[in-house]
C-alpha atoms as a PDB file:
ATOM      1  CA  UNK A   1     131.462  16.085  53.932  1.00  0.00           C
ATOM      2  CA  UNK A   2     133.076  12.724  54.577  1.00  0.00           C
ATOM      3  CA  UNK A   3     130.845   9.670  54.869  1.00  0.00           C
ATOM      4  CA  UNK A   4     131.603   9.236  58.603  1.00  0.00           C
ATOM      5  CA  UNK A   5     130.836  12.913  59.233  1.00  0.00           C
ATOM      6  CA  UNK A   6     127.466  12.507  57.488  1.00  0.00           C
ATOM      7  CA  UNK A   7     126.683   9.459  59.621  1.00  0.00           C
ATOM      8  CA  UNK A   8     127.547  11.315  62.805  1.00  0.00           C
ATOM      9  CA  UNK A   9     125.522  14.351  61.711  1.00  0.00           C
ATOM     10  CA  UNK A  10     122.531  12.128  60.943  1.00  0.00           C
ATOM     11  CA  UNK A  11     122.912  10.441  64.328  1.00  0.00           C
ATOM     12  CA  UNK A  12     123.047  13.798  66.120  1.00  0.00           C
ATOM     13  CA  UNK A  13     119.981  14.995  64.187  1.00  0.00           C
ATOM     14  CA  UNK A  14     118.036  11.880  65.179  1.00  0.00           C
ATOM     15  CA  UNK A  15     118.924  12.258  68.848  1.00  0.00           C
ATOM     16  CA  UNK A  16     118.128  15.975  68.784  1.00  0.00           C
ATOM     17  CA  UNK A  17     114.742  15.345  67.158  1.00  0.00           C
ATOM     18  CA  UNK A  18     113.863  12.663  69.688  1.00  0.00           C
ATOM     19  CA  UNK A  19     114.857  14.714  72.698  1.00  0.00           C
ATOM     20  CA  UNK A  20     113.914  18.230  71.614  1.00  0.00           C
ATOM     21  CA  UNK A  21     111.341  17.900  68.863  1.00  0.00           C
ATOM     22  CA  UNK A  22     107.588  17.964  69.203  1.00  0.00           C
ATOM     23  CA  UNK A  23     106.060  14.894  70.730  1.00  0.00           C
ATOM     24  CA  UNK A  24     103.187  13.552  72.774  1.00  0.00           C
ATOM     25  CA  UNK A  25     105.482  12.640  75.666  1.00  0.00           C
ATOM     26  CA  UNK A  26     107.185  15.495  77.467  1.00  0.00           C
ATOM     27  CA  UNK A  27     110.807  16.313  76.688  1.00  0.00           C
ATOM     28  CA  UNK A  28     111.646  15.313  80.264  1.00  0.00           C
ATOM     29  CA  UNK A  29     109.977  11.908  79.861  1.00  0.00           C
ATOM     30  CA  UNK A  30     111.764  11.353  76.554  1.00  0.00           C
ATOM     31  CA  UNK A  31     115.137  12.268  78.073  1.00  0.00           C
ATOM     32  CA  UNK A  32     114.558   9.903  80.982  1.00  0.00           C
ATOM     33  CA  UNK A  33     113.581   7.068  78.642  1.00  0.00           C
ATOM     34  CA  UNK A  34     116.585   7.844  76.403  1.00  0.00           C
ATOM     35  CA  UNK A  35     118.904   7.593  79.432  1.00  0.00           C
ATOM     36  CA  UNK A  36     116.945   4.743  81.060  1.00  0.00           C
ATOM     37  CA  UNK A  37     116.911   6.588  84.363  1.00  0.00           C
ATOM     38  CA  UNK A  38     114.509   8.373  86.650  1.00  0.00           C
ATOM     39  CA  UNK A  39     111.372   6.616  85.412  1.00  0.00           C
ATOM     40  CA  UNK A  40     108.559   5.656  87.718  1.00  0.00           C
ATOM     41  CA  UNK A  41     106.833   2.272  87.780  1.00  0.00           C
ATOM     42  CA  UNK A  42     105.539   0.652  85.639  1.00  0.00           C
ATOM     43  CA  UNK A  43     107.301   2.637  82.910  1.00  0.00           C
ATOM     44  CA  UNK A  44     110.703   1.816  84.409  1.00  0.00           C
ATOM     45  CA  UNK A  45     110.064  -1.903  83.941  1.00  0.00           C
ATOM     46  CA  UNK A  46     108.984  -1.468  80.323  1.00  0.00           C
ATOM     47  CA  UNK A  47     111.913   0.754  79.404  1.00  0.00           C
ATOM     48  CA  UNK A  48     114.321  -1.512  81.278  1.00  0.00           C
ATOM     49  CA  UNK A  49     113.139  -4.432  79.159  1.00  0.00           C
ATOM     50  CA  UNK A  50     113.396  -2.406  75.951  1.00  0.00           C
ATOM     51  CA  UNK A  51     117.021  -1.663  76.796  1.00  0.00           C
ATOM     52  CA  UNK A  52     118.152  -4.979  78.291  1.00  0.00           C
ATOM     53  CA  UNK A  53     115.966  -7.627  76.712  1.00  0.00           C
ATOM     54  CA  UNK A  54     113.561  -6.255  74.101  1.00  0.00           C
ATOM     55  CA  UNK A  55     112.342  -9.704  73.091  1.00  0.00           C
ATOM     56  CA  UNK A  56     110.911 -10.004  76.595  1.00  0.00           C
ATOM     57  CA  UNK A  57     108.547  -7.009  76.237  1.00  0.00           C
ATOM     58  CA  UNK A  58     104.969  -8.218  76.515  1.00  0.00           C
ATOM     59  CA  UNK A  59     101.538  -6.813  75.835  1.00  0.00           C
ATOM     60  CA  UNK A  60     101.140  -6.704  79.625  1.00  0.00           C
ATOM     61  CA  UNK A  61     104.162  -4.374  79.905  1.00  0.00           C
ATOM     62  CA  UNK A  62     102.641  -2.031  77.331  1.00  0.00           C
ATOM     63  CA  UNK A  63      99.193  -2.239  78.939  1.00  0.00           C
ATOM     64  CA  UNK A  64     100.652  -1.426  82.364  1.00  0.00           C
ATOM     65  CA  UNK A  65     102.365   1.671  80.957  1.00  0.00           C
ATOM     66  CA  UNK A  66      99.107   2.795  79.352  1.00  0.00           C
ATOM     67  CA  UNK A  67      97.167   2.045  82.548  1.00  0.00           C
ATOM     68  CA  UNK A  68      99.514   4.411  84.399  1.00  0.00           C
ATOM     69  CA  UNK A  69      98.028   7.278  82.407  1.00  0.00           C
ATOM     70  CA  UNK A  70     100.155   7.344  79.272  1.00  0.00           C
ATOM     71  CA  UNK A  71      98.602   7.326  75.834  1.00  0.00           C
ATOM     72  CA  UNK A  72      99.599   4.786  73.216  1.00  0.00           C
ATOM     73  CA  UNK A  73     101.458   7.541  71.331  1.00  0.00           C
ATOM     74  CA  UNK A  74     103.397   8.491  74.453  1.00  0.00           C
ATOM     75  CA  UNK A  75     104.345   4.878  75.146  1.00  0.00           C
ATOM     76  CA  UNK A  76     105.492   4.474  71.543  1.00  0.00           C
ATOM     77  CA  UNK A  77     107.660   7.603  71.733  1.00  0.00           C
ATOM     78  CA  UNK A  78     109.220   6.545  75.020  1.00  0.00           C
ATOM     79  CA  UNK A  79     109.995   3.059  73.714  1.00  0.00           C
ATOM     80  CA  UNK A  80     111.655   4.575  70.635  1.00  0.00           C
ATOM     81  CA  UNK A  81     113.646   6.981  72.845  1.00  0.00           C
ATOM     82  CA  UNK A  82     114.805   4.084  75.017  1.00  0.00           C
ATOM     83  CA  UNK A  83     115.869   2.006  72.022  1.00  0.00           C
ATOM     84  CA  UNK A  84     117.723   4.887  70.389  1.00  0.00           C
ATOM     85  CA  UNK A  85     119.301   5.870  73.712  1.00  0.00           C
ATOM     86  CA  UNK A  86     120.631   2.368  74.209  1.00  0.00           C
ATOM     87  CA  UNK A  87     121.812   2.283  70.615  1.00  0.00           C
ATOM     88  CA  UNK A  88     123.568   5.638  71.098  1.00  0.00           C
ATOM     89  CA  UNK A  89     125.406   4.346  74.161  1.00  0.00           C
ATOM     90  CA  UNK A  90     126.546   1.264  72.249  1.00  0.00           C
ATOM     91  CA  UNK A  91     127.598   3.461  69.323  1.00  0.00           C
ATOM     92  CA  UNK A  92     129.671   5.675  71.620  1.00  0.00           C
ATOM     93  CA  UNK A  93     131.263   2.657  73.271  1.00  0.00           C
ATOM     94  CA  UNK A  94     132.101   1.209  69.867  1.00  0.00           C
ATOM     95  CA  UNK A  95     133.688   4.443  68.690  1.00  0.00           C
ATOM     96  CA  UNK A  96     135.707   4.670  71.882  1.00  0.00           C
ATOM     97  CA  UNK A  97     136.897   1.063  71.559  1.00  0.00           C
ATOM     98  CA  UNK A  98     137.823   1.612  67.924  1.00  0.00           C
ATOM     99  CA  UNK A  99     139.733   4.770  68.766  1.00  0.00           C
ATOM    100  CA  UNK A 100     141.571   3.002  71.566  1.00  0.00           C
ATOM    101  CA  UNK A 101     142.389  -0.018  69.395  1.00  0.00           C
ATOM    102  CA  UNK A 102     143.746   2.124  66.575  1.00  0.00           C
ATOM    103  CA  UNK A 103     145.630   4.450  68.900  1.00  0.00           C
ATOM    104  CA  UNK A 104     143.891   7.506  67.526  1.00  0.00           C
ATOM    105  CA  UNK A 105     142.418   8.661  70.814  1.00  0.00           C
ATOM    106  CA  UNK A 106     138.779   9.385  71.519  1.00  0.00           C
ATOM    107  CA  UNK A 107     136.885  10.605  68.434  1.00  0.00           C
ATOM    108  CA  UNK A 108     134.629  13.639  68.573  1.00  0.00           C
ATOM    109  CA  UNK A 109     131.559  12.960  70.713  1.00  0.00           C
ATOM    110  CA  UNK A 110     129.003  11.459  68.318  1.00  0.00           C
ATOM    111  CA  UNK A 111     125.721  12.426  69.905  1.00  0.00           C
END
C-alpha cells in the first residue's frame, strides 16, 4: 500500500471510530460536533470556539457545557470530534486544491 493510501486509510479509520465507535456521547451528538451543526446552546458556543478559535475556549465554556447535563467524558469526546471534523474539512480542501493545482482532478474522497 502506498504511503498516501495508508494515510488516507488511517484518516478514514479515525473518523469512523469517532463517529461510529463506542463513546459516552451519542453517535448523533458526535456527528453534530464533527460537522459543527445542529448543536444546542451552550454546546454550540463551545464547539464553535473549538472550530474557529480554539485558543479562546475557556473553563467557563467547558463548565457551561457540563452544566447543560453533559458529563466531562461527553464534553471531551465532543470537543475531539469537533477538532477532528474541522481538521477533516481542511484536509479535504487541501487535497482538492492540490488536485486542482496539479491538474489531476479531484482525488478519491479522503474521509
